[in-house]
Amino acid sequence: MENVNPIWIIIHLAALCAAYGSVVIVDLIGLLWLGKQIERERMLAITAWAQPIIWAGIIVMMISGAMLGPDLS
């Protein structure tokens, strides 16, 4: 990791937090639905809201990970 711009590390970690945090929220909402604590429509609304955040986080992690210059040899 020579000459790595620290902004790419920050972007990578921010995307990781956003994507992983959204996945944890969706999992917890799913558990609440299984336990009959929330209605199905509410669960589906929350998962529909979180899905673009998860995908955006994954895409940003791939781009920023490529910019970090991994040694693939």
N, C-alpha and C. Protein backbone atom coordinates (compact mmCIF):
# COMPACT_ATOMS: atom_id res chain seq x y z
N MET A 1 0.83 -1.19 0.00
CA MET A 1 0.00 0.00 0.00
C MET A 1 0.86 1.25 0.00
N GLU A 2 1.71 1.31 -1.00
CA GLU A 2 2.55 2.49 -1.12
C GLU A 2 1.80 3.57 -1.89
N ASN A 3 1.98 4.79 -1.48
CA ASN A 3 1.40 5.94 -2.16
C ASN A 3 -0.10 5.81 -2.37
N VAL A 4 -0.80 5.38 -1.37
CA VAL A 4 -2.26 5.27 -1.45
C VAL A 4 -2.87 6.58 -0.96
N ASN A 5 -3.77 7.12 -1.75
CA ASN A 5 -4.46 8.33 -1.36
C ASN A 5 -5.44 7.98 -0.23
N PRO A 6 -5.32 8.61 0.93
CA PRO A 6 -6.18 8.26 2.05
C PRO A 6 -7.66 8.51 1.80
N ILE A 7 -8.00 9.34 0.82
CA ILE A 7 -9.41 9.60 0.55
C ILE A 7 -10.10 8.33 0.06
N TRP A 8 -9.37 7.47 -0.67
CA TRP A 8 -9.97 6.22 -1.15
C TRP A 8 -10.25 5.27 0.00
N ILE A 9 -9.41 5.30 1.01
CA ILE A 9 -9.65 4.46 2.19
C ILE A 9 -10.89 4.95 2.92
N ILE A 10 -11.03 6.26 3.06
CA ILE A 10 -12.19 6.84 3.74
C ILE A 10 -13.47 6.52 2.97
N ILE A 11 -13.43 6.68 1.64
CA ILE A 11 -14.60 6.37 0.82
C ILE A 11 -14.96 4.89 0.94
N HIS A 12 -13.94 4.03 0.91
CA HIS A 12 -14.16 2.59 1.01
C HIS A 12 -14.81 2.22 2.34
N LEU A 13 -14.31 2.79 3.43
CA LEU A 13 -14.87 2.49 4.74
C LEU A 13 -16.27 3.07 4.93
N ALA A 14 -16.51 4.25 4.36
CA ALA A 14 -17.85 4.85 4.45
C ALA A 14 -18.87 3.99 3.70
N ALA A 15 -18.50 3.50 2.52
CA ALA A 15 -19.39 2.64 1.76
C ALA A 15 -19.63 1.32 2.48
N LEU A 16 -18.59 0.81 3.11
CA LEU A 16 -18.74 -0.43 3.89
C LEU A 16 -19.72 -0.23 5.03
N CYS A 17 -19.60 0.88 5.74
CA CYS A 17 -20.51 1.16 6.85
C CYS A 17 -21.95 1.33 6.37
N ALA A 18 -22.14 2.03 5.25
CA ALA A 18 -23.49 2.23 4.73
C ALA A 18 -24.12 0.92 4.29
N ALA A 19 -23.38 0.13 3.53
CA ALA A 19 -23.94 -1.13 3.01
C ALA A 19 -24.17 -2.13 4.14
N TYR A 20 -23.17 -2.31 4.98
CA TYR A 20 -23.30 -3.30 6.05
C TYR A 20 -24.36 -2.86 7.07
N GLY A 21 -24.41 -1.58 7.37
CA GLY A 21 -25.42 -1.08 8.29
C GLY A 21 -26.83 -1.30 7.77
N SER A 22 -27.02 -1.10 6.47
CA SER A 22 -28.33 -1.34 5.88
C SER A 22 -28.70 -2.82 5.91
N VAL A 23 -27.72 -3.68 5.69
CA VAL A 23 -27.98 -5.13 5.76
C VAL A 23 -28.39 -5.52 7.17
N VAL A 24 -27.73 -4.97 8.16
CA VAL A 24 -28.08 -5.28 9.55
C VAL A 24 -29.50 -4.80 9.86
N ILE A 25 -29.86 -3.62 9.38
CA ILE A 25 -31.21 -3.11 9.59
C ILE A 25 -32.24 -4.03 8.95
N VAL A 26 -31.99 -4.46 7.72
CA VAL A 26 -32.93 -5.36 7.04
C VAL A 26 -33.05 -6.68 7.79
N ASP A 27 -31.93 -7.20 8.29
CA ASP A 27 -31.98 -8.45 9.06
C ASP A 27 -32.80 -8.28 10.34
N LEU A 28 -32.60 -7.18 11.04
CA LEU A 28 -33.36 -6.96 12.26
C LEU A 28 -34.84 -6.77 11.99
N ILE A 29 -35.17 -6.08 10.92
CA ILE A 29 -36.57 -5.91 10.55
C ILE A 29 -37.19 -7.26 10.19
N GLY A 30 -36.43 -8.10 9.49
CA GLY A 30 -36.91 -9.44 9.18
C GLY A 30 -37.17 -10.26 10.43
N LEU A 31 -36.30 -10.13 11.41
CA LEU A 31 -36.52 -10.84 12.68
C LEU A 31 -37.76 -10.32 13.40
N LEU A 32 -37.95 -9.00 13.36
CA LEU A 32 -39.16 -8.45 13.98
C LEU A 32 -40.42 -8.94 13.28
N TRP A 33 -40.36 -9.08 11.97
CA TRP A 33 -41.51 -9.59 11.23
C TRP A 33 -41.76 -11.05 11.58
N LEU A 34 -40.69 -11.83 11.68
CA LEU A 34 -40.86 -13.24 12.06
C LEU A 34 -41.45 -13.38 13.46
N GLY A 35 -41.12 -12.45 14.33
CA GLY A 35 -41.66 -12.47 15.68
C GLY A 35 -43.00 -11.78 15.80
N LYS A 36 -43.59 -11.43 14.67
CA LYS A 36 -44.92 -10.80 14.63
C LYS A 36 -44.94 -9.44 15.34
N GLN A 37 -43.82 -8.75 15.33
CA GLN A 37 -43.75 -7.43 15.96
C GLN A 37 -44.13 -6.30 15.00
N ILE A 38 -43.91 -6.52 13.70
CA ILE A 38 -44.30 -5.52 12.70
C ILE A 38 -45.06 -6.21 11.58
N GLU A 39 -45.78 -5.41 10.81
CA GLU A 39 -46.57 -5.96 9.71
C GLU A 39 -45.70 -6.18 8.48
N ARG A 40 -46.18 -7.05 7.61
CA ARG A 40 -45.45 -7.41 6.40
C ARG A 40 -45.24 -6.19 5.50
N GLU A 41 -46.23 -5.34 5.35
CA GLU A 41 -46.12 -4.18 4.49
C GLU A 41 -45.03 -3.22 4.98
N ARG A 42 -44.95 -3.07 6.29
CA ARG A 42 -43.92 -2.20 6.87
C ARG A 42 -42.53 -2.78 6.62
N MET A 43 -42.39 -4.11 6.77
CA MET A 43 -41.11 -4.75 6.51
C MET A 43 -40.70 -4.56 5.06
N LEU A 44 -41.64 -4.75 4.13
CA LEU A 44 -41.33 -4.60 2.72
C LEU A 44 -40.97 -3.16 2.36
N ALA A 45 -41.62 -2.21 3.00
CA ALA A 45 -41.29 -0.80 2.76
C ALA A 45 -39.88 -0.47 3.22
N ILE A 46 -39.50 -0.98 4.37
CA ILE A 46 -38.15 -0.71 4.89
C ILE A 46 -37.10 -1.38 4.03
N THR A 47 -37.34 -2.62 3.61
CA THR A 47 -36.35 -3.31 2.77
C THR A 47 -36.25 -2.65 1.39
N ALA A 48 -37.36 -2.14 0.87
CA ALA A 48 -37.31 -1.43 -0.41
C ALA A 48 -36.51 -0.13 -0.28
N TRP A 49 -36.60 0.51 0.88
CA TRP A 49 -35.83 1.73 1.13
C TRP A 49 -34.33 1.42 1.26
N ALA A 50 -33.99 0.29 1.87
CA ALA A 50 -32.59 -0.04 2.15
C ALA A 50 -31.87 -0.65 0.94
N GLN A 51 -32.60 -1.24 0.02
CA GLN A 51 -31.96 -1.94 -1.09
C GLN A 51 -31.05 -1.05 -1.94
N PRO A 52 -31.46 0.16 -2.34
CA PRO A 52 -30.53 1.00 -3.12
C PRO A 52 -29.28 1.39 -2.35
N ILE A 53 -29.40 1.56 -1.04
CA ILE A 53 -28.23 1.90 -0.23
C ILE A 53 -27.24 0.74 -0.22
N ILE A 54 -27.75 -0.47 -0.11
CA ILE A 54 -26.89 -1.65 -0.10
C ILE A 54 -26.16 -1.76 -1.43
N TRP A 55 -26.89 -1.66 -2.54
CA TRP A 55 -26.25 -1.79 -3.85
C TRP A 55 -25.26 -0.66 -4.11
N ALA A 56 -25.61 0.55 -3.74
CA ALA A 56 -24.69 1.68 -3.92
C ALA A 56 -23.41 1.47 -3.11
N GLY A 57 -23.56 0.98 -1.89
CA GLY A 57 -22.38 0.71 -1.06
C GLY A 57 -21.48 -0.34 -1.67
N ILE A 58 -22.07 -1.40 -2.23
CA ILE A 58 -21.27 -2.45 -2.86
C ILE A 58 -20.53 -1.91 -4.07
N ILE A 59 -21.21 -1.13 -4.90
CA ILE A 59 -20.58 -0.58 -6.09
C ILE A 59 -19.45 0.38 -5.73
N VAL A 60 -19.70 1.25 -4.76
CA VAL A 60 -18.67 2.20 -4.33
C VAL A 60 -17.48 1.45 -3.72
N MET A 61 -17.73 0.37 -2.99
CA MET A 61 -16.61 -0.41 -2.44
C MET A 61 -15.78 -1.04 -3.54
N MET A 62 -16.42 -1.52 -4.60
CA MET A 62 -15.66 -2.11 -5.71
C MET A 62 -14.80 -1.05 -6.40
N ILE A 63 -15.38 0.13 -6.65
CA ILE A 63 -14.64 1.19 -7.32
C ILE A 63 -13.49 1.69 -6.45
N SER A 64 -13.78 1.98 -5.19
CA SER A 64 -12.72 2.49 -4.31
C SER A 64 -11.68 1.42 -4.02
N GLY A 65 -12.10 0.15 -3.97
CA GLY A 65 -11.12 -0.93 -3.78
C GLY A 65 -10.19 -1.05 -4.95
N ALA A 66 -10.70 -0.84 -6.16
CA ALA A 66 -9.84 -0.86 -7.35
C ALA A 66 -8.88 0.32 -7.33
N MET A 67 -9.34 1.47 -6.83
CA MET A 67 -8.49 2.66 -6.78
C MET A 67 -7.41 2.54 -5.71
N LEU A 68 -7.59 1.64 -4.76
CA LEU A 68 -6.57 1.45 -3.73
C LEU A 68 -5.36 0.68 -4.26
N GLY A 69 -5.50 0.11 -5.45
CA GLY A 69 -4.37 -0.57 -6.09
C GLY A 69 -3.97 -1.85 -5.43
N PRO A 70 -4.87 -2.85 -5.38
CA PRO A 70 -4.51 -4.10 -4.75
C PRO A 70 -3.46 -4.86 -5.54
N ASP A 71 -2.61 -5.59 -4.85
CA ASP A 71 -1.60 -6.43 -5.50
C ASP A 71 -2.24 -7.79 -5.78
N LEU A 72 -2.59 -8.03 -7.02
CA LEU A 72 -3.29 -9.25 -7.40
C LEU A 72 -2.35 -10.34 -7.90
N SER A 73 -1.07 -10.14 -7.75
CA SER A 73 -0.13 -11.16 -8.23
C SER A 73 0.11 -12.25 -7.23
